[in-house]
Amino acid sequence: MHAPRLLGAFLGAAALTLGAAQAQTISLEQAPCVPQEDNGIVRANVAGGGPTLQPRLYFRWNNHEDFYWVAMEPDPNGRFWATPPKPEKRNEMIQYYGALIDPVGKVAGRSPMLTTKVTKDCKPNLTPRERGMAENLTVGETTPQQQGREVLAFLCDGVITRVNYAGIRRGDDVCRACVVAWWPRVVSPAVAGLTSIIIVGDDPEPSTARP
């Protein structure tokens, strides 16, 4: 009379064992260094089967405010990599971990926390593919307070797109605004000189076409 109960318990244990065997895990390789005002690289291994999860690298200036993230790119044999933005001079150490994110944005697994020093002589020697990604970064935010602000202690250079806390993607308006404000101050004398050169000489005929 206890056979159905025993069979149910056995099937339940087997299902748990199979689920554990298929669970995906992520582990990071500690970067030996991160270059000052340049892009470093962090590599990871993702193991296990089960549903497809997005690997992310979460990073921040060591012990300062909230984390940001960048998606990790795949290499063969379950290997992944990511390039965080360029650390500023004041940023002497970055703190980071890897996480697996499910389709609704929940953390399904994560690696232990790591830290790596930022140094002037660090030379990670990025491949063309890695350098191309570093120059076109999408940086994710983890709190509402991060929206509308620069990535704390990291340079704007290479940060093109942002994803806010709610998962909404947008252009990085903060870094773009800095570039627009900087441009007239730097090039206005040259533009003024170019304008004076253009208007010297015969008066051009007025254009009949207007934008």
Foldseek 3Di string as FASTA:
>chain_A
DCVVVVVVVVVVVVVVVVCVQQQKEKEKDDDQEAEAQDKAKIKMAIDHHDDAWWKKKWKAQPPDDGIKIFTWDDDPPRMTMAIDFHFHPVRFKMKIWMFTADPVGDTRYIYDIDMHTYDNPDDRPDDPVRVVDQLATEMEEQDQVCPPHDRPRGDPGSHFWYQYNNRDIDGNVNNVVVCVVVVCVVCVVVVVVVVVVVCPDDDDDDDPDDD
